[in-house]
C-alpha atoms as a PDB file:
ATOM      1  CA  MET A   1     131.956 165.337 182.952  1.00  0.00           C
ATOM      2  CA  SER A   2     130.557 168.373 185.093  1.00  0.00           C
ATOM      3  CA  GLY A   3     127.519 169.567 187.135  1.00  0.00           C
ATOM      4  CA  VAL A   4     127.356 166.040 188.891  1.00  0.00           C
ATOM      5  CA  ASN A   5     127.194 165.301 192.443  1.00  0.00           C
ATOM      6  CA  SER A   6     127.326 163.048 195.038  1.00  0.00           C
ATOM      7  CA  LEU A   7     127.072 160.508 192.577  1.00  0.00           C
ATOM      8  CA  THR A   8     125.574 156.568 194.053  1.00  0.00           C
ATOM      9  CA  ALA A   9     126.557 152.862 193.545  1.00  0.00           C
ATOM     10  CA  PHE A  10     123.875 150.199 193.161  1.00  0.00           C
ATOM     11  CA  ARG A  11     124.091 149.247 196.748  1.00  0.00           C
ATOM     12  CA  GLU A  12     122.581 152.553 198.042  1.00  0.00           C
ATOM     13  CA  LEU A  13     119.741 152.822 195.449  1.00  0.00           C
ATOM     14  CA  THR A  14     116.142 152.241 196.595  1.00  0.00           C
ATOM     15  CA  GLY A  15     113.628 150.159 194.510  1.00  0.00           C
ATOM     16  CA  HIS A  16     113.920 148.487 191.223  1.00  0.00           C
ATOM     17  CA  GLU A  17     115.490 145.385 192.645  1.00  0.00           C
ATOM     18  CA  LYS A  18     114.731 143.627 189.210  1.00  0.00           C
ATOM     19  CA  ILE A  19     115.916 145.777 187.064  1.00  0.00           C
ATOM     20  CA  LYS A  20     119.590 146.511 189.611  1.00  0.00           C
ATOM     21  CA  ALA A  21     119.762 142.401 189.768  1.00  0.00           C
ATOM     22  CA  SER A  22     119.812 142.584 185.795  1.00  0.00           C
ATOM     23  CA  LEU A  23     122.151 145.622 185.431  1.00  0.00           C
ATOM     24  CA  THR A  24     124.252 143.280 188.115  1.00  0.00           C
ATOM     25  CA  ALA A  25     124.198 140.317 186.433  1.00  0.00           C
ATOM     26  CA  ALA A  26     125.364 142.332 183.450  1.00  0.00           C
ATOM     27  CA  LEU A  27     128.315 143.302 184.852  1.00  0.00           C
ATOM     28  CA  THR A  28     129.206 140.267 186.629  1.00  0.00           C
ATOM     29  CA  SER A  29     129.227 138.439 183.536  1.00  0.00           C
ATOM     30  CA  ASN A  30     130.689 140.908 181.688  1.00  0.00           C
ATOM     31  CA  ARG A  31     127.395 140.716 178.890  1.00  0.00           C
ATOM     32  CA  VAL A  32     127.022 144.900 178.695  1.00  0.00           C
ATOM     33  CA  SER A  33     124.790 145.899 176.282  1.00  0.00           C
ATOM     34  CA  HIS A  34     126.753 149.333 173.964  1.00  0.00           C
ATOM     35  CA  ALA A  35     123.218 150.799 174.424  1.00  0.00           C
ATOM     36  CA  TYR A  36     120.743 151.405 177.313  1.00  0.00           C
ATOM     37  CA  LEU A  37     117.291 153.166 177.514  1.00  0.00           C
ATOM     38  CA  PHE A  38     116.063 154.272 180.769  1.00  0.00           C
ATOM     39  CA  TYR A  39     112.755 154.752 181.102  1.00  0.00           C
ATOM     40  CA  GLY A  40     109.322 155.708 183.106  1.00  0.00           C
ATOM     41  CA  PRO A  41     107.268 158.520 185.495  1.00  0.00           C
ATOM     42  CA  PRO A  42     109.565 162.054 185.884  1.00  0.00           C
ATOM     43  CA  GLY A  43     111.453 161.618 189.222  1.00  0.00           C
ATOM     44  CA  VAL A  44     111.412 157.971 189.542  1.00  0.00           C
ATOM     45  CA  GLY A  45     115.412 157.596 190.269  1.00  0.00           C
ATOM     46  CA  LYS A  46     115.974 156.767 186.329  1.00  0.00           C
ATOM     47  CA  LYS A  47     119.055 159.153 186.457  1.00  0.00           C
ATOM     48  CA  THR A  48     120.440 157.775 189.761  1.00  0.00           C
ATOM     49  CA  ALA A  49     120.436 154.885 188.326  1.00  0.00           C
ATOM     50  CA  GLY A  50     122.046 155.465 185.302  1.00  0.00           C
ATOM     51  CA  LEU A  51     124.577 157.136 187.160  1.00  0.00           C
ATOM     52  CA  ALA A  52     124.981 154.599 189.681  1.00  0.00           C
ATOM     53  CA  PHE A  53     125.096 151.818 186.623  1.00  0.00           C
ATOM     54  CA  ALA A  54     127.883 154.289 184.721  1.00  0.00           C
ATOM     55  CA  ARG A  55     130.292 154.197 187.506  1.00  0.00           C
ATOM     56  CA  ALA A  56     129.913 150.589 188.396  1.00  0.00           C
ATOM     57  CA  LEU A  57     130.934 150.440 184.491  1.00  0.00           C
ATOM     58  CA  LEU A  58     133.901 152.311 184.773  1.00  0.00           C
ATOM     59  CA  CYS A  59     135.030 150.787 188.310  1.00  0.00           C
ATOM     60  CA  SER A  60     138.446 149.357 188.034  1.00  0.00           C
ATOM     61  CA  GLY A  61     137.960 146.433 190.771  1.00  0.00           C
ATOM     62  CA  GLY A  62     135.791 144.182 188.037  1.00  0.00           C
ATOM     63  CA  GLY A  63     132.712 143.754 190.319  1.00  0.00           C
ATOM     64  CA  ASP A  64     129.040 144.443 190.104  1.00  0.00           C
ATOM     65  CA  ASP A  65     129.183 148.062 191.744  1.00  0.00           C
ATOM     66  CA  ALA A  66     131.483 150.819 192.584  1.00  0.00           C
ATOM     67  CA  CYS A  67     134.080 149.505 194.593  1.00  0.00           C
ATOM     68  CA  GLU A  68     134.264 153.456 195.790  1.00  0.00           C
ATOM     69  CA  VAL A  69     138.064 152.892 196.296  1.00  0.00           C
ATOM     70  CA  CYS A  70     139.883 153.053 193.080  1.00  0.00           C
ATOM     71  CA  ASP A  71     140.915 155.960 191.071  1.00  0.00           C
ATOM     72  CA  ASP A  72     138.245 155.631 189.090  1.00  0.00           C
ATOM     73  CA  CYS A  73     135.616 155.403 191.939  1.00  0.00           C
ATOM     74  CA  ILE A  74     136.830 158.481 193.698  1.00  0.00           C
ATOM     75  CA  ARG A  75     137.266 160.521 189.988  1.00  0.00           C
ATOM     76  CA  SER A  76     133.577 159.419 189.016  1.00  0.00           C
ATOM     77  CA  ARG A  77     132.477 160.634 192.549  1.00  0.00           C
ATOM     78  CA  ARG A  78     134.196 163.986 192.691  1.00  0.00           C
ATOM     79  CA  GLY A  79     131.978 164.090 188.957  1.00  0.00           C
ATOM     80  CA  VAL A  80     135.449 164.402 187.541  1.00  0.00           C
ATOM     81  CA  HIS A  81     135.955 161.115 185.386  1.00  0.00           C
ATOM     82  CA  PRO A  82     137.385 161.897 182.062  1.00  0.00           C
ATOM     83  CA  ASP A  83     135.327 158.565 180.700  1.00  0.00           C
ATOM     84  CA  LEU A  84     132.129 159.641 181.680  1.00  0.00           C
ATOM     85  CA  HIS A  85     130.359 162.028 179.449  1.00  0.00           C
ATOM     86  CA  LEU A  86     126.615 163.497 180.229  1.00  0.00           C
ATOM     87  CA  ILE A  87     125.386 165.212 177.641  1.00  0.00           C
ATOM     88  CA  ARG A  88     122.027 167.432 178.777  1.00  0.00           C
ATOM     89  CA  PRO A  89     119.468 169.688 176.390  1.00  0.00           C
ATOM     90  CA  ASP A  90     121.115 172.739 175.009  1.00  0.00           C
ATOM     91  CA  GLY A  91     117.959 174.952 175.836  1.00  0.00           C
ATOM     92  CA  ALA A  92     115.202 173.219 174.809  1.00  0.00           C
ATOM     93  CA  SER A  93     116.240 170.556 173.100  1.00  0.00           C
ATOM     94  CA  ILE A  94     119.921 168.185 172.385  1.00  0.00           C
ATOM     95  CA  LYS A  95     121.386 169.734 169.413  1.00  0.00           C
ATOM     96  CA  ILE A  96     123.041 167.487 166.723  1.00  0.00           C
ATOM     97  CA  ARG A  97     126.191 169.736 167.108  1.00  0.00           C
ATOM     98  CA  GLN A  98     126.180 167.814 170.492  1.00  0.00           C
ATOM     99  CA  LEU A  99     125.659 164.756 169.227  1.00  0.00           C
ATOM    100  CA  ARG A 100     128.198 164.890 166.800  1.00  0.00           C
ATOM    101  CA  ASP A 101     130.737 166.298 169.771  1.00  0.00           C
ATOM    102  CA  ILE A 102     129.987 162.528 171.357  1.00  0.00           C
ATOM    103  CA  CYS A 103     130.060 160.452 168.722  1.00  0.00           C
ATOM    104  CA  GLY A 104     132.820 161.574 167.648  1.00  0.00           C
ATOM    105  CA  GLU A 105     134.650 161.096 170.975  1.00  0.00           C
ATOM    106  CA  ALA A 106     133.275 157.825 170.900  1.00  0.00           C
ATOM    107  CA  VAL A 107     135.725 157.159 168.589  1.00  0.00           C
ATOM    108  CA  PHE A 108     138.760 156.937 171.039  1.00  0.00           C
ATOM    109  CA  THR A 109     140.185 154.466 173.157  1.00  0.00           C
ATOM    110  CA  SER A 110     139.500 155.571 176.857  1.00  0.00           C
ATOM    111  CA  PHE A 111     141.635 157.943 179.249  1.00  0.00           C
ATOM    112  CA  GLY A 112     142.070 154.370 181.336  1.00  0.00           C
ATOM    113  CA  GLU A 113     141.610 150.770 180.383  1.00  0.00           C
ATOM    114  CA  GLY A 114     138.196 150.863 181.115  1.00  0.00           C
ATOM    115  CA  ARG A 115     135.216 151.590 179.028  1.00  0.00           C
ATOM    116  CA  GLN A 116     134.011 155.332 178.223  1.00  0.00           C
ATOM    117  CA  VAL A 117     130.150 156.123 179.100  1.00  0.00           C
ATOM    118  CA  PHE A 118     128.025 158.606 177.321  1.00  0.00           C
ATOM    119  CA  LEU A 119     124.955 159.317 179.528  1.00  0.00           C
ATOM    120  CA  VAL A 120     121.916 161.269 177.676  1.00  0.00           C
ATOM    121  CA  GLU A 121     119.714 163.101 180.346  1.00  0.00           C
ATOM    122  CA  GLN A 122     115.739 163.961 178.586  1.00  0.00           C
ATOM    123  CA  ALA A 123     117.017 161.752 175.202  1.00  0.00           C
ATOM    124  CA  GLU A 124     113.376 162.604 174.271  1.00  0.00           C
ATOM    125  CA  ARG A 125     114.330 166.136 172.984  1.00  0.00           C
ATOM    126  CA  MET A 126     116.995 165.614 170.817  1.00  0.00           C
ATOM    127  CA  THR A 127     115.764 167.222 167.224  1.00  0.00           C
ATOM    128  CA  THR A 128     115.637 164.477 164.741  1.00  0.00           C
ATOM    129  CA  ALA A 129     118.554 165.704 163.295  1.00  0.00           C
ATOM    130  CA  ALA A 130     120.310 164.787 166.351  1.00  0.00           C
ATOM    131  CA  ALA A 131     118.550 161.787 166.567  1.00  0.00           C
ATOM    132  CA  ASN A 132     119.764 160.610 163.183  1.00  0.00           C
ATOM    133  CA  SER A 133     123.453 161.516 163.711  1.00  0.00           C
ATOM    134  CA  PHE A 134     122.892 159.653 167.598  1.00  0.00           C
ATOM    135  CA  LEU A 135     121.477 156.682 165.384  1.00  0.00           C
ATOM    136  CA  LYS A 136     124.664 155.837 162.988  1.00  0.00           C
ATOM    137  CA  THR A 137     127.341 155.456 166.124  1.00  0.00           C
ATOM    138  CA  LEU A 138     124.467 152.865 167.566  1.00  0.00           C
ATOM    139  CA  GLU A 139     124.515 150.961 164.085  1.00  0.00           C
ATOM    140  CA  GLU A 140     128.423 150.452 164.549  1.00  0.00           C
ATOM    141  CA  PRO A 141     129.189 150.233 168.173  1.00  0.00           C
ATOM    142  CA  VAL A 142     132.671 151.085 169.360  1.00  0.00           C
ATOM    143  CA  ALA A 143     133.670 148.379 171.527  1.00  0.00           C
ATOM    144  CA  GLY A 144     133.922 149.807 175.380  1.00  0.00           C
ATOM    145  CA  VAL A 145     131.323 152.683 174.331  1.00  0.00           C
ATOM    146  CA  VAL A 146     128.461 151.970 176.345  1.00  0.00           C
ATOM    147  CA  PHE A 147     125.416 154.884 175.797  1.00  0.00           C
ATOM    148  CA  ILE A 148     122.698 155.466 178.742  1.00  0.00           C
ATOM    149  CA  LEU A 149     119.968 157.746 177.081  1.00  0.00           C
ATOM    150  CA  VAL A 150     117.014 158.586 180.323  1.00  0.00           C
ATOM    151  CA  THR A 151     114.346 159.851 179.180  1.00  0.00           C
ATOM    152  CA  ASP A 152     110.134 160.221 180.550  1.00  0.00           C
ATOM    153  CA  ASP A 153     108.726 159.489 177.451  1.00  0.00           C
ATOM    154  CA  ALA A 154     110.203 156.930 175.554  1.00  0.00           C
ATOM    155  CA  ALA A 155     107.183 157.568 172.753  1.00  0.00           C
ATOM    156  CA  ALA A 156     109.396 160.415 171.901  1.00  0.00           C
ATOM    157  CA  ILE A 157     112.590 158.549 171.064  1.00  0.00           C
ATOM    158  CA  PRO A 158     112.504 157.072 167.381  1.00  0.00           C
ATOM    159  CA  SER A 159     112.018 153.568 166.871  1.00  0.00           C
ATOM    160  CA  THR A 160     114.885 153.255 165.347  1.00  0.00           C
ATOM    161  CA  VAL A 161     116.873 154.215 168.432  1.00  0.00           C
ATOM    162  CA  LEU A 162     114.583 152.224 170.738  1.00  0.00           C
ATOM    163  CA  SER A 163     114.840 149.085 168.555  1.00  0.00           C
ATOM    164  CA  ARG A 164     119.275 149.472 169.273  1.00  0.00           C
ATOM    165  CA  CYS A 165     118.781 150.390 173.025  1.00  0.00           C
ATOM    166  CA  LEU A 166     118.557 147.369 175.988  1.00  0.00           C
ATOM    167  CA  CYS A 167     115.365 148.696 177.164  1.00  0.00           C
ATOM    168  CA  TYR A 168     114.846 149.077 181.017  1.00  0.00           C
ATOM    169  CA  ARG A 169     111.005 150.568 182.441  1.00  0.00           C
ATOM    170  CA  PHE A 170     111.343 152.063 186.095  1.00  0.00           C
ATOM    171  CA  SER A 171     107.965 151.990 187.455  1.00  0.00           C
ATOM    172  CA  SER A 172     106.877 154.551 190.509  1.00  0.00           C
ATOM    173  CA  LEU A 173     108.230 153.045 194.007  1.00  0.00           C
ATOM    174  CA  SER A 174     106.141 152.084 196.497  1.00  0.00           C
ATOM    175  CA  ARG A 175     105.184 154.750 199.561  1.00  0.00           C
ATOM    176  CA  GLU A 176     107.648 152.376 201.617  1.00  0.00           C
ATOM    177  CA  ASP A 177     110.574 152.871 199.762  1.00  0.00           C
ATOM    178  CA  VAL A 178     109.774 156.528 199.184  1.00  0.00           C
ATOM    179  CA  VAL A 179     109.695 157.488 202.469  1.00  0.00           C
ATOM    180  CA  THR A 180     113.050 155.771 203.019  1.00  0.00           C
ATOM    181  CA  ILE A 181     114.234 157.959 200.175  1.00  0.00           C
ATOM    182  CA  ILE A 182     113.190 161.231 201.934  1.00  0.00           C
ATOM    183  CA  GLU A 183     114.237 160.141 205.241  1.00  0.00           C
ATOM    184  CA  ARG A 184     117.541 159.955 203.755  1.00  0.00           C
ATOM    185  CA  GLU A 185     117.599 162.860 201.351  1.00  0.00           C
ATOM    186  CA  ALA A 186     116.047 165.518 203.833  1.00  0.00           C
ATOM    187  CA  GLY A 187     115.673 164.205 207.308  1.00  0.00           C
ATOM    188  CA  HIS A 188     111.990 165.364 207.345  1.00  0.00           C
ATOM    189  CA  ALA A 189     110.694 161.762 209.016  1.00  0.00           C
ATOM    190  CA  GLY A 190     107.759 163.882 210.650  1.00  0.00           C
ATOM    191  CA  GLN A 191     106.443 164.406 207.327  1.00  0.00           C
ATOM    192  CA  ALA A 192     107.565 161.611 205.153  1.00  0.00           C
ATOM    193  CA  TYR A 193     104.516 159.783 204.847  1.00  0.00           C
ATOM    194  CA  ALA A 194     102.565 162.998 204.013  1.00  0.00           C
ATOM    195  CA  LEU A 195     104.891 163.422 201.542  1.00  0.00           C
ATOM    196  CA  ALA A 196     105.253 159.745 200.361  1.00  0.00           C
ATOM    197  CA  ALA A 197     101.747 159.806 199.996  1.00  0.00           C
ATOM    198  CA  LEU A 198     101.452 162.595 197.844  1.00  0.00           C
ATOM    199  CA  SER A 199     104.573 161.891 195.001  1.00  0.00           C
ATOM    200  CA  GLY A 200     102.333 159.357 193.699  1.00  0.00           C
ATOM    201  CA  GLY A 201     105.316 157.194 193.583  1.00  0.00           C
ATOM    202  CA  SER A 202     107.841 159.628 192.806  1.00  0.00           C
ATOM    203  CA  PRO A 203     110.949 160.412 195.336  1.00  0.00           C
ATOM    204  CA  GLY A 204     112.040 163.167 193.010  1.00  0.00           C
ATOM    205  CA  ARG A 205     108.305 164.954 193.793  1.00  0.00           C
ATOM    206  CA  ALA A 206     107.921 164.478 196.820  1.00  0.00           C
ATOM    207  CA  LEU A 207     111.211 166.082 198.073  1.00  0.00           C
ATOM    208  CA  ALA A 208     109.933 168.832 195.208  1.00  0.00           C
ATOM    209  CA  LEU A 209     106.510 169.300 197.390  1.00  0.00           C
ATOM    210  CA  LEU A 210     108.595 169.754 200.651  1.00  0.00           C
ATOM    211  CA  ASP A 211     108.035 173.889 200.089  1.00  0.00           C
ATOM    212  CA  GLY A 212     104.805 172.688 199.319  1.00  0.00           C
ATOM    213  CA  LEU A 213     103.963 171.409 202.360  1.00  0.00           C
ATOM    214  CA  ALA A 214     103.629 175.518 203.682  1.00  0.00           C
ATOM    215  CA  GLY A 215     100.788 176.340 201.226  1.00  0.00           C
ATOM    216  CA  ARG A 216      99.100 172.550 202.277  1.00  0.00           C
ATOM    217  CA  ASP A 217      98.726 173.855 205.602  1.00  0.00           C
ATOM    218  CA  ARG A 218      98.010 177.363 205.309  1.00  0.00           C
ATOM    219  CA  ALA A 219      94.721 175.450 202.863  1.00  0.00           C
ATOM    220  CA  LEU A 220      94.122 173.850 205.819  1.00  0.00           C
ATOM    221  CA  GLN A 221      94.161 176.468 208.143  1.00  0.00           C
ATOM    222  CA  LEU A 222      91.754 178.500 206.725  1.00  0.00           C
ATOM    223  CA  ALA A 223      89.115 175.023 206.043  1.00  0.00           C
ATOM    224  CA  LEU A 224      89.366 174.630 209.560  1.00  0.00           C
ATOM    225  CA  ASN A 225      88.546 178.684 210.576  1.00  0.00           C
ATOM    226  CA  LEU A 226      86.016 178.134 207.714  1.00  0.00           C
ATOM    227  CA  ALA A 227      84.494 174.960 209.256  1.00  0.00           C
ATOM    228  CA  ALA A 228      84.531 176.436 213.425  1.00  0.00           C
ATOM    229  CA  GLY A 229      82.655 180.117 212.031  1.00  0.00           C
ATOM    230  CA  ARG A 230      80.603 178.546 209.493  1.00  0.00           C
ATOM    231  CA  ARG A 231      78.234 180.654 207.967  1.00  0.00           C
ATOM    232  CA  THR A 232      78.915 183.904 210.191  1.00  0.00           C
ATOM    233  CA  ALA A 233      81.395 185.293 207.696  1.00  0.00           C
ATOM    234  CA  VAL A 234      82.265 186.075 204.498  1.00  0.00           C
ATOM    235  CA  PRO A 235      85.684 184.296 203.395  1.00  0.00           C
ATOM    236  CA  ALA A 236      88.533 186.036 201.379  1.00  0.00           C
ATOM    237  CA  PRO A 237      91.236 184.646 200.077  1.00  0.00           C
ATOM    238  CA  PRO A 238      94.755 184.648 201.429  1.00  0.00           C
ATOM    239  CA  GLU A 239      96.748 187.339 200.417  1.00  0.00           C
ATOM    240  CA  GLU A 240     100.085 184.894 199.557  1.00  0.00           C
ATOM    241  CA  LEU A 241      98.120 184.049 196.727  1.00  0.00           C
ATOM    242  CA  SER A 242      99.778 186.514 194.114  1.00  0.00           C
ATOM    243  CA  GLY A 243      99.005 184.541 190.464  1.00  0.00           C
ATOM    244  CA  ARG A 244      97.320 182.440 189.038  1.00  0.00           C
ATOM    245  CA  GLU A 245      99.698 179.120 189.551  1.00  0.00           C
ATOM    246  CA  ASP A 246      99.378 180.149 193.364  1.00  0.00           C
ATOM    247  CA  ALA A 247      95.889 179.822 193.062  1.00  0.00           C
ATOM    248  CA  GLN A 248      95.827 176.415 191.182  1.00  0.00           C
ATOM    249  CA  GLU A 249      97.922 175.430 193.544  1.00  0.00           C
ATOM    250  CA  PHE A 250      95.849 176.231 196.706  1.00  0.00           C
ATOM    251  CA  VAL A 251      92.798 174.722 195.272  1.00  0.00           C
ATOM    252  CA  ASN A 252      94.669 171.886 194.637  1.00  0.00           C
ATOM    253  CA  HIS A 253      95.755 171.350 198.150  1.00  0.00           C
ATOM    254  CA  LEU A 254      91.816 171.848 199.787  1.00  0.00           C
ATOM    255  CA  ALA A 255      90.856 168.990 196.644  1.00  0.00           C
ATOM    256  CA  VAL A 256      92.989 166.984 198.487  1.00  0.00           C
ATOM    257  CA  LEU A 257      92.352 167.890 201.765  1.00  0.00           C
ATOM    258  CA  PHE A 258      88.884 166.958 200.992  1.00  0.00           C
ATOM    259  CA  ARG A 259      89.253 164.088 199.624  1.00  0.00           C
ATOM    260  CA  ASP A 260      90.907 162.997 202.890  1.00  0.00           C
ATOM    261  CA  VAL A 261      88.057 164.030 204.533  1.00  0.00           C
ATOM    262  CA  MET A 262      85.666 161.936 202.363  1.00  0.00           C
ATOM    263  CA  VAL A 263      87.845 158.801 203.242  1.00  0.00           C
ATOM    264  CA  MET A 264      87.738 159.221 206.818  1.00  0.00           C
ATOM    265  CA  GLN A 265      84.043 159.752 206.684  1.00  0.00           C
ATOM    266  CA  GLN A 266      83.352 156.722 204.614  1.00  0.00           C
ATOM    267  CA  ALA A 267      86.365 154.479 205.151  1.00  0.00           C
ATOM    268  CA  GLY A 268      88.189 155.832 208.579  1.00  0.00           C
ATOM    269  CA  ARG A 269      91.087 154.043 207.826  1.00  0.00           C
ATOM    270  CA  ASN A 270      94.055 155.907 208.624  1.00  0.00           C
ATOM    271  CA  GLU A 271      96.531 154.486 205.940  1.00  0.00           C
ATOM    272  CA  LEU A 272      94.526 155.879 202.913  1.00  0.00           C
ATOM    273  CA  LEU A 273      94.770 159.319 204.068  1.00  0.00           C
ATOM    274  CA  ILE A 274      97.219 161.202 201.748  1.00  0.00           C
ATOM    275  CA  ASN A 275      97.578 163.835 204.688  1.00  0.00           C
ATOM    276  CA  ILE A 276      98.509 161.139 207.276  1.00  0.00           C
ATOM    277  CA  ASP A 277     100.542 163.663 209.284  1.00  0.00           C
ATOM    278  CA  ARG A 278      96.666 165.823 209.471  1.00  0.00           C
ATOM    279  CA  ARG A 279      94.935 163.241 210.170  1.00  0.00           C
ATOM    280  CA  ASP A 280      93.794 164.853 213.643  1.00  0.00           C
ATOM    281  CA  ASP A 281      92.604 167.899 211.951  1.00  0.00           C
ATOM    282  CA  ILE A 282      91.037 165.583 209.056  1.00  0.00           C
ATOM    283  CA  ALA A 283      88.778 164.032 211.585  1.00  0.00           C
ATOM    284  CA  GLY A 284      88.129 167.799 213.003  1.00  0.00           C
ATOM    285  CA  LEU A 285      86.449 168.680 209.281  1.00  0.00           C
ATOM    286  CA  ALA A 286      85.026 165.176 208.613  1.00  0.00           C
ATOM    287  CA  GLY A 287      82.953 165.455 211.760  1.00  0.00           C
ATOM    288  CA  ALA A 288      81.892 169.813 210.679  1.00  0.00           C
ATOM    289  CA  TYR A 289      80.428 168.854 207.484  1.00  0.00           C
ATOM    290  CA  GLY A 290      78.251 166.177 206.083  1.00  0.00           C
ATOM    291  CA  ARG A 291      78.751 163.543 203.266  1.00  0.00           C
ATOM    292  CA  ARG A 292      76.630 165.487 200.889  1.00  0.00           C
ATOM    293  CA  GLU A 293      78.317 169.138 201.853  1.00  0.00           C
ATOM    294  CA  VAL A 294      81.766 166.879 201.419  1.00  0.00           C
ATOM    295  CA  LEU A 295      80.697 166.219 198.319  1.00  0.00           C
ATOM    296  CA  ASP A 296      79.479 169.090 196.838  1.00  0.00           C
ATOM    297  CA  ILE A 297      83.035 170.861 198.116  1.00  0.00           C
ATOM    298  CA  LEU A 298      84.968 168.843 195.981  1.00  0.00           C
ATOM    299  CA  LEU A 299      83.057 169.291 192.825  1.00  0.00           C
ATOM    300  CA  THR A 300      83.048 172.606 193.186  1.00  0.00           C
ATOM    301  CA  ALA A 301      86.906 172.476 193.595  1.00  0.00           C
ATOM    302  CA  GLU A 302      87.042 170.392 190.608  1.00  0.00           C
ATOM    303  CA  GLU A 303      85.037 173.039 188.259  1.00  0.00           C
ATOM    304  CA  THR A 304      87.132 175.878 190.285  1.00  0.00           C
ATOM    305  CA  ALA A 305      90.217 173.672 188.471  1.00  0.00           C
ATOM    306  CA  ARG A 306      88.678 173.979 185.583  1.00  0.00           C
ATOM    307  CA  ARG A 307      87.789 177.810 185.588  1.00  0.00           C
ATOM    308  CA  LEU A 308      91.059 178.906 186.647  1.00  0.00           C
ATOM    309  CA  ALA A 309      93.016 176.654 183.917  1.00  0.00           C
ATOM    310  CA  GLY A 310      90.781 178.863 181.735  1.00  0.00           C
ATOM    311  CA  ASN A 311      90.238 182.259 181.373  1.00  0.00           C
ATOM    312  CA  ALA A 312      87.662 183.084 184.478  1.00  0.00           C
ATOM    313  CA  ASN A 313      88.705 185.673 186.980  1.00  0.00           C
ATOM    314  CA  GLN A 314      90.882 184.461 188.993  1.00  0.00           C
ATOM    315  CA  ARG A 315      88.919 186.083 192.629  1.00  0.00           C
ATOM    316  CA  LEU A 316      85.586 185.152 191.850  1.00  0.00           C
ATOM    317  CA  ALA A 317      86.177 181.757 191.109  1.00  0.00           C
ATOM    318  CA  LEU A 318      88.347 181.602 194.433  1.00  0.00           C
ATOM    319  CA  ASP A 319      85.156 183.249 195.849  1.00  0.00           C
ATOM    320  CA  ALA A 320      82.838 180.404 194.496  1.00  0.00           C
ATOM    321  CA  LEU A 321      85.023 177.495 195.760  1.00  0.00           C
ATOM    322  CA  LEU A 322      85.638 179.543 199.546  1.00  0.00           C
ATOM    323  CA  LEU A 323      81.802 180.036 200.243  1.00  0.00           C
ATOM    324  CA  LYS A 324      81.216 176.624 199.545  1.00  0.00           C
ATOM    325  CA  ILE A 325      83.494 175.316 202.623  1.00  0.00           C
ATOM    326  CA  ALA A 326      82.112 177.844 204.613  1.00  0.00           C
ATOM    327  CA  GLY A 327      78.713 177.011 203.989  1.00  0.00           C
ATOM    328  CA  PHE A 328      76.956 180.131 202.281  1.00  0.00           C
ATOM    329  CA  ASN A 329      76.224 178.088 198.987  1.00  0.00           C
END
């Protein structure tokens, strides 16, 4: 198994308590299914849980989690366990060749005395031929072999495959759990709450958003400048916007910021803010605009996003939004 680093154990996972309890009970009672499907929104920890479960299955300590001291645990943490097989899409899909290879390996005994575990990442990307080949193995399970399929889209998995798996749905995490993961993985304690709020319960998305905070702050600074000099200077988009994707992200940042402004004006509660780490700046914007003006800005941001998603002129679309924020229309 290559390309897997920083493998964790069940006790190190944050959230998904009911799923962890069910899987650890299966380990304790030795009532392990031959196939599992972990599905749910992107970035909520499905693959991480799958790897933790795989490590526990391979642990020679015989408990309900990876013991971290046996040879099996040491090898799995290093990513070199011969009985842990990770299958990823080859290009755009998981091809029949890949599934035939793993199904061929599944008929053999493990290198040790325990199990073989096959974790299929992005399982929804199996071709029809690959899924049919895989189905044959699931229909005639081999003792000691466990398959863990991970997917964002269970509806894209053939029903014949689904019916032979024990399915676990992973939901979005609470904001508190996402904060815990951000602080542990990235150490950004000061920005953790804002990232958690922006992530929609996905720690993976929250960590990916770290690079986007600089863009958020540029959009906020522009909004503050326009609010401070309303109707005195014609605004221009930031020079950093090099393409349509950058422009769309910029508009999204402005929309979320002014959403917070509306929340501040109508509810006045900091805990409802997404950009809670910039609450003082949000309060400043809330005092600079009337409620109707904020609503008009949000509607213009929504229209700008639609135009950018189409084939509209990027500069003209952005100018309309910035002029609205600057108070010229």
